[in-house]
Amino acid sequence: MSAWQDQTEHEQMEQIRRTVQNKKMPQVSYTDDIMKRLGEMDGGAGS
């Protein structure tokens, strides 16, 4: 199951990265957003 989660997370990262490139947003902004999204996915277990 972990392998499936890793693949899904990778796909989400790629999608976010492409979206950011299209919007030409600063890296800092979307990096923070990614961490927030990951936190929500983990249900806050990581924090």
N, C-alpha and C. Protein backbone atom coordinates (compact mmCIF):
# COMPACT_ATOMS: atom_id res chain seq x y z
N MET A 1 0.84 -1.21 0.00
CA MET A 1 0.00 0.00 0.00
C MET A 1 0.87 1.25 0.00
N SER A 2 2.02 1.15 0.66
CA SER A 2 2.91 2.31 0.72
C SER A 2 3.40 2.69 -0.67
N ALA A 3 3.63 1.68 -1.51
CA ALA A 3 4.10 1.94 -2.87
C ALA A 3 3.05 2.72 -3.64
N TRP A 4 1.78 2.37 -3.43
CA TRP A 4 0.68 3.07 -4.11
C TRP A 4 0.61 4.51 -3.61
N GLN A 5 0.80 4.70 -2.32
CA GLN A 5 0.76 6.04 -1.74
C GLN A 5 1.91 6.89 -2.29
N ASP A 6 3.10 6.28 -2.40
CA ASP A 6 4.25 7.01 -2.93
C ASP A 6 4.00 7.43 -4.36
N GLN A 7 3.42 6.55 -5.16
CA GLN A 7 3.13 6.86 -6.55
C GLN A 7 2.10 7.99 -6.64
N THR A 8 1.07 7.91 -5.82
CA THR A 8 0.03 8.93 -5.83
C THR A 8 0.62 10.28 -5.43
N GLU A 9 1.45 10.27 -4.39
CA GLU A 9 2.05 11.50 -3.91
C GLU A 9 2.95 12.10 -4.99
N HIS A 10 3.69 11.24 -5.69
CA HIS A 10 4.57 11.70 -6.76
C HIS A 10 3.76 12.35 -7.87
N GLU A 11 2.64 11.74 -8.22
CA GLU A 11 1.79 12.28 -9.28
C GLU A 11 1.22 13.63 -8.86
N GLN A 12 0.86 13.75 -7.58
CA GLN A 12 0.32 15.02 -7.09
C GLN A 12 1.40 16.09 -7.13
N MET A 13 2.62 15.72 -6.74
CA MET A 13 3.73 16.67 -6.77
C MET A 13 3.97 17.16 -8.19
N GLU A 14 3.96 16.23 -9.14
CA GLU A 14 4.18 16.60 -10.54
C GLU A 14 3.06 17.51 -11.03
N GLN A 15 1.84 17.20 -10.65
CA GLN A 15 0.70 18.02 -11.09
C GLN A 15 0.82 19.43 -10.53
N ILE A 16 1.16 19.53 -9.23
CA ILE A 16 1.33 20.84 -8.61
C ILE A 16 2.47 21.59 -9.27
N ARG A 17 3.57 20.88 -9.54
CA ARG A 17 4.74 21.53 -10.14
C ARG A 17 4.39 22.09 -11.52
N ARG A 18 3.66 21.32 -12.32
CA ARG A 18 3.27 21.80 -13.65
C ARG A 18 2.32 22.98 -13.54
N THR A 19 1.41 22.92 -12.59
CA THR A 19 0.46 24.01 -12.39
C THR A 19 1.20 25.28 -12.01
N VAL A 20 2.18 25.13 -11.12
CA VAL A 20 2.96 26.28 -10.68
C VAL A 20 3.74 26.88 -11.83
N GLN A 21 4.33 26.01 -12.66
CA GLN A 21 5.09 26.50 -13.80
C GLN A 21 4.18 27.28 -14.75
N ASN A 22 2.96 26.80 -14.92
CA ASN A 22 2.01 27.48 -15.80
C ASN A 22 1.65 28.85 -15.23
N LYS A 23 1.51 28.93 -13.92
CA LYS A 23 1.14 30.18 -13.26
C LYS A 23 2.36 31.04 -12.97
N LYS A 24 3.57 30.43 -13.09
CA LYS A 24 4.82 31.13 -12.82
C LYS A 24 4.82 31.74 -11.40
N MET A 25 4.43 30.91 -10.46
CA MET A 25 4.43 31.35 -9.06
C MET A 25 5.81 31.11 -8.45
N PRO A 26 6.16 31.87 -7.41
CA PRO A 26 7.43 31.66 -6.71
C PRO A 26 7.45 30.28 -6.04
N GLN A 27 8.64 29.68 -6.00
CA GLN A 27 8.75 28.34 -5.44
C GLN A 27 8.33 28.30 -3.97
N VAL A 28 8.70 29.34 -3.23
CA VAL A 28 8.39 29.38 -1.80
C VAL A 28 6.89 29.25 -1.56
N SER A 29 6.10 29.90 -2.39
CA SER A 29 4.65 29.90 -2.18
C SER A 29 4.08 28.50 -2.33
N TYR A 30 4.45 27.79 -3.41
CA TYR A 30 3.83 26.49 -3.60
C TYR A 30 4.47 25.42 -2.75
N THR A 31 5.70 25.62 -2.31
CA THR A 31 6.31 24.65 -1.39
C THR A 31 5.54 24.63 -0.08
N ASP A 32 5.19 25.81 0.42
CA ASP A 32 4.41 25.90 1.66
C ASP A 32 3.04 25.27 1.46
N ASP A 33 2.46 25.49 0.27
CA ASP A 33 1.14 24.94 -0.03
C ASP A 33 1.21 23.41 -0.07
N ILE A 34 2.28 22.88 -0.65
CA ILE A 34 2.46 21.43 -0.72
C ILE A 34 2.53 20.84 0.70
N MET A 35 3.29 21.49 1.58
CA MET A 35 3.42 20.99 2.94
C MET A 35 2.05 20.99 3.63
N LYS A 36 1.26 22.02 3.36
CA LYS A 36 -0.08 22.09 3.95
C LYS A 36 -0.94 20.95 3.42
N ARG A 37 -0.83 20.69 2.10
CA ARG A 37 -1.63 19.62 1.50
C ARG A 37 -1.22 18.27 2.08
N LEU A 38 0.09 18.06 2.23
CA LEU A 38 0.58 16.79 2.79
C LEU A 38 0.10 16.65 4.22
N GLY A 39 0.08 17.74 4.95
CA GLY A 39 -0.39 17.71 6.33
C GLY A 39 -1.86 17.30 6.40
N GLU A 40 -2.64 17.81 5.45
CA GLU A 40 -4.06 17.47 5.41
C GLU A 40 -4.24 16.01 5.04
N MET A 41 -3.41 15.51 4.12
CA MET A 41 -3.48 14.11 3.71
C MET A 41 -3.16 13.19 4.88
N ASP A 42 -2.19 13.60 5.69
CA ASP A 42 -1.77 12.78 6.83
C ASP A 42 -2.73 12.94 8.01
N GLY A 43 -3.66 13.85 7.88
CA GLY A 43 -4.60 14.07 8.97
C GLY A 43 -3.92 14.78 10.14
N GLY A 44 -2.82 15.47 9.86
CA GLY A 44 -2.12 16.20 10.91
C GLY A 44 -1.23 15.30 11.75
N ALA A 45 -1.04 14.06 11.34
CA ALA A 45 -0.24 13.13 12.13
C ALA A 45 1.24 13.54 12.12
N GLY A 46 1.65 14.22 11.06
CA GLY A 46 3.06 14.59 10.95
C GLY A 46 3.42 15.78 11.81
N SER A 47 2.39 16.52 12.28
CA SER A 47 2.68 17.73 13.04
C SER A 47 2.32 17.64 14.49
